[in-house]
Amino acid sequence: MNSRSVEILVGAFMALGIAALVMLALKVSNLASFGGDDGYEVHAYFEDIGGLKVRSQVAVGGVQVGKVTAIDYEMDSFRARVTMKIGSQYDSFPIDTAANIYTSGLLGEQYIGLEPGADIDYLAEGDTIEFTQSALVLERLIGQYLFSSAGK
């Protein structure tokens, strides 16, 4: 009887360990956040999105307010179209809000930072953010520096 209870305890411990690993994997891959359909989608066009990916966070002042749901390339304008889902509790961003692509840390993952404007009208489902700033690509900066220093 004693070995049977030990087997049950070991099985329960293993099940808890596996559940913890699954939760950790969901948290790291950013699949657990903003799982529901509540919220509204807005779009923004960028010349260069760098390493921005689907499921990257959308933040304001360091607080996550949404995530990137789709990235497409528009052949008529030659720009990347980024679709973002903003949480329904954040429904009062002015229509002149700006979207910038930032990098967390020196070589970290990229995310979209929103800077609210001052307009009295608010962003709604399907609106387009007009004021954008593309990603700062480290390789391009290094290349420009090397090219400019070689001419000296």
Protein backbone atom coordinates (compact mmCIF):
# COMPACT_ATOMS: atom_id res chain seq x y z
CA MET A 1 0.00 0.00 0.00
CA ASN A 2 2.89 2.32 0.75
CA SER A 3 4.40 1.98 -2.73
CA ARG A 4 0.99 2.65 -4.31
CA SER A 5 0.66 6.02 -2.55
CA VAL A 6 4.23 6.93 -3.53
CA GLU A 7 3.37 6.17 -7.17
CA ILE A 8 0.28 8.39 -6.99
CA LEU A 9 2.28 11.25 -5.45
CA VAL A 10 4.98 10.95 -8.12
CA GLY A 11 2.31 10.93 -10.86
CA ALA A 12 0.63 14.02 -9.41
CA PHE A 13 3.98 15.79 -9.13
CA MET A 14 4.79 14.94 -12.77
CA ALA A 15 1.37 16.20 -13.93
CA LEU A 16 1.91 19.50 -12.08
CA GLY A 17 5.39 19.82 -13.61
CA ILE A 18 4.05 19.26 -17.14
CA ALA A 19 1.23 21.77 -16.56
CA ALA A 20 3.77 24.33 -15.32
CA LEU A 21 5.93 23.79 -18.43
CA VAL A 22 2.91 24.26 -20.71
CA MET A 23 1.97 27.51 -18.93
CA LEU A 24 5.57 28.72 -19.19
CA ALA A 25 5.67 27.93 -22.92
CA LEU A 26 2.41 29.84 -23.49
CA LYS A 27 3.68 32.83 -21.55
CA VAL A 28 7.04 32.93 -23.35
CA SER A 29 5.46 32.60 -26.80
CA ASN A 30 2.95 35.35 -25.95
CA LEU A 31 -0.01 33.11 -26.81
CA ALA A 32 -1.73 33.47 -23.47
CA SER A 33 -2.27 37.22 -23.61
CA PHE A 34 -5.24 38.82 -25.34
CA GLY A 35 -6.78 35.46 -26.12
CA GLY A 36 -10.33 36.71 -26.56
CA ASP A 37 -11.99 38.51 -29.42
CA ASP A 38 -12.70 41.63 -27.38
CA GLY A 39 -11.13 44.76 -28.76
CA TYR A 40 -10.85 46.54 -32.06
CA GLU A 41 -8.46 46.35 -35.00
CA VAL A 42 -6.52 49.30 -36.38
CA HIS A 43 -3.98 49.43 -39.19
CA ALA A 44 -0.70 51.26 -39.76
CA TYR A 45 1.62 51.47 -42.76
CA PHE A 46 5.42 51.35 -42.37
CA GLU A 47 8.29 51.67 -44.85
CA ASP A 48 10.35 49.11 -42.90
CA ILE A 49 9.11 46.88 -40.08
CA GLY A 50 12.52 45.35 -39.28
CA GLY A 51 11.99 42.19 -37.23
CA LEU A 52 8.42 42.91 -36.14
CA LYS A 53 6.38 39.72 -35.96
CA VAL A 54 2.77 38.68 -35.57
CA ARG A 55 1.92 38.51 -31.83
CA SER A 56 4.43 41.29 -31.03
CA GLN A 57 3.11 43.56 -28.33
CA VAL A 58 1.56 46.98 -28.80
CA ALA A 59 2.38 49.20 -25.83
CA VAL A 60 1.77 52.70 -24.52
CA GLY A 61 4.16 53.96 -21.86
CA GLY A 62 5.44 50.42 -21.28
CA VAL A 63 1.95 48.97 -20.71
CA GLN A 64 0.74 46.33 -23.16
CA VAL A 65 -2.55 47.44 -24.71
CA GLY A 66 -2.72 45.04 -27.65
CA LYS A 67 -0.82 42.87 -30.08
CA VAL A 68 0.05 42.64 -33.75
CA THR A 69 -2.39 40.29 -35.50
CA ALA A 70 -1.27 40.47 -39.14
CA ILE A 71 1.50 41.84 -41.35
CA ASP A 72 0.94 42.22 -45.10
CA TYR A 73 2.77 43.90 -47.95
CA GLU A 74 0.82 46.39 -50.08
CA MET A 75 2.06 46.23 -53.68
CA ASP A 76 0.39 49.50 -54.71
CA SER A 77 2.07 51.61 -52.01
CA PHE A 78 5.19 49.44 -51.48
CA ARG A 79 4.73 49.54 -47.72
CA ALA A 80 4.06 47.01 -44.99
CA ARG A 81 0.55 47.05 -43.53
CA VAL A 82 0.46 46.09 -39.86
CA THR A 83 -2.85 45.15 -38.26
CA MET A 84 -3.09 45.56 -34.50
CA LYS A 85 -5.77 44.41 -32.07
CA ILE A 86 -6.22 46.87 -29.23
CA GLY A 87 -7.97 45.71 -26.06
CA SER A 88 -11.54 46.93 -25.61
CA GLN A 89 -10.70 48.62 -22.30
CA TYR A 90 -8.35 50.94 -24.24
CA ASP A 91 -10.99 52.52 -26.47
CA SER A 92 -10.07 56.18 -26.12
CA PHE A 93 -6.91 56.64 -28.19
CA PRO A 94 -7.15 59.87 -30.20
CA ILE A 95 -7.32 59.52 -33.97
CA ASP A 96 -3.98 61.38 -34.34
CA THR A 97 -2.12 58.74 -32.32
CA ALA A 98 1.35 57.90 -33.68
CA ALA A 99 2.77 54.38 -34.02
CA ASN A 100 6.52 53.73 -33.78
CA ILE A 101 8.46 50.48 -34.01
CA TYR A 102 10.87 50.11 -31.10
CA THR A 103 13.33 47.45 -29.97
CA SER A 104 13.30 46.28 -26.37
CA GLY A 105 16.94 46.32 -25.28
CA LEU A 106 19.89 46.50 -27.63
CA LEU A 107 19.14 43.36 -29.64
CA GLY A 108 15.73 42.42 -28.21
CA GLU A 109 12.43 41.79 -29.91
CA GLN A 110 10.58 44.59 -31.64
CA TYR A 111 7.22 46.01 -30.62
CA ILE A 112 4.92 48.87 -31.56
CA GLY A 113 4.78 51.85 -29.24
CA LEU A 114 1.76 54.12 -29.50
CA GLU A 115 1.97 57.81 -28.64
CA PRO A 116 -1.49 59.30 -28.10
CA GLY A 117 -2.31 62.58 -29.80
CA ALA A 118 -4.68 65.33 -28.76
CA ASP A 119 -7.65 64.98 -31.12
CA ILE A 120 -11.14 64.72 -29.65
CA ASP A 121 -12.15 61.87 -32.00
CA TYR A 122 -11.08 58.33 -31.07
CA LEU A 123 -9.70 55.41 -33.06
CA ALA A 124 -12.36 52.85 -33.96
CA GLU A 125 -12.59 49.46 -35.66
CA GLY A 126 -10.81 49.49 -39.04
CA ASP A 127 -9.20 52.94 -38.69
CA THR A 128 -5.69 53.63 -39.99
CA ILE A 129 -3.00 55.27 -37.89
CA GLU A 130 -1.55 57.96 -40.16
CA PHE A 131 1.57 58.97 -38.22
CA THR A 132 4.15 56.17 -38.21
CA GLN A 133 7.88 55.77 -37.79
CA SER A 134 9.62 52.72 -39.22
CA ALA A 135 11.99 50.42 -37.38
CA LEU A 136 15.57 51.45 -36.76
CA VAL A 137 17.60 48.72 -38.48
CA LEU A 138 20.95 48.22 -36.76
CA GLU A 139 22.64 46.79 -39.86
CA ARG A 140 21.72 49.87 -41.90
CA LEU A 141 23.12 52.18 -39.21
CA ILE A 142 26.38 50.26 -39.07
CA GLY A 143 26.63 50.33 -42.87
CA GLN A 144 26.04 54.09 -42.96
CA TYR A 145 28.66 54.62 -40.28
CA LEU A 146 31.25 52.47 -42.07
CA PHE A 147 30.52 54.17 -45.40
CA SER A 148 30.82 57.66 -43.91
CA SER A 149 34.01 56.86 -41.97
CA ALA A 150 35.66 55.27 -45.05
CA GLY A 151 35.45 58.58 -46.91
CA LYS A 152 37.49 60.41 -44.24
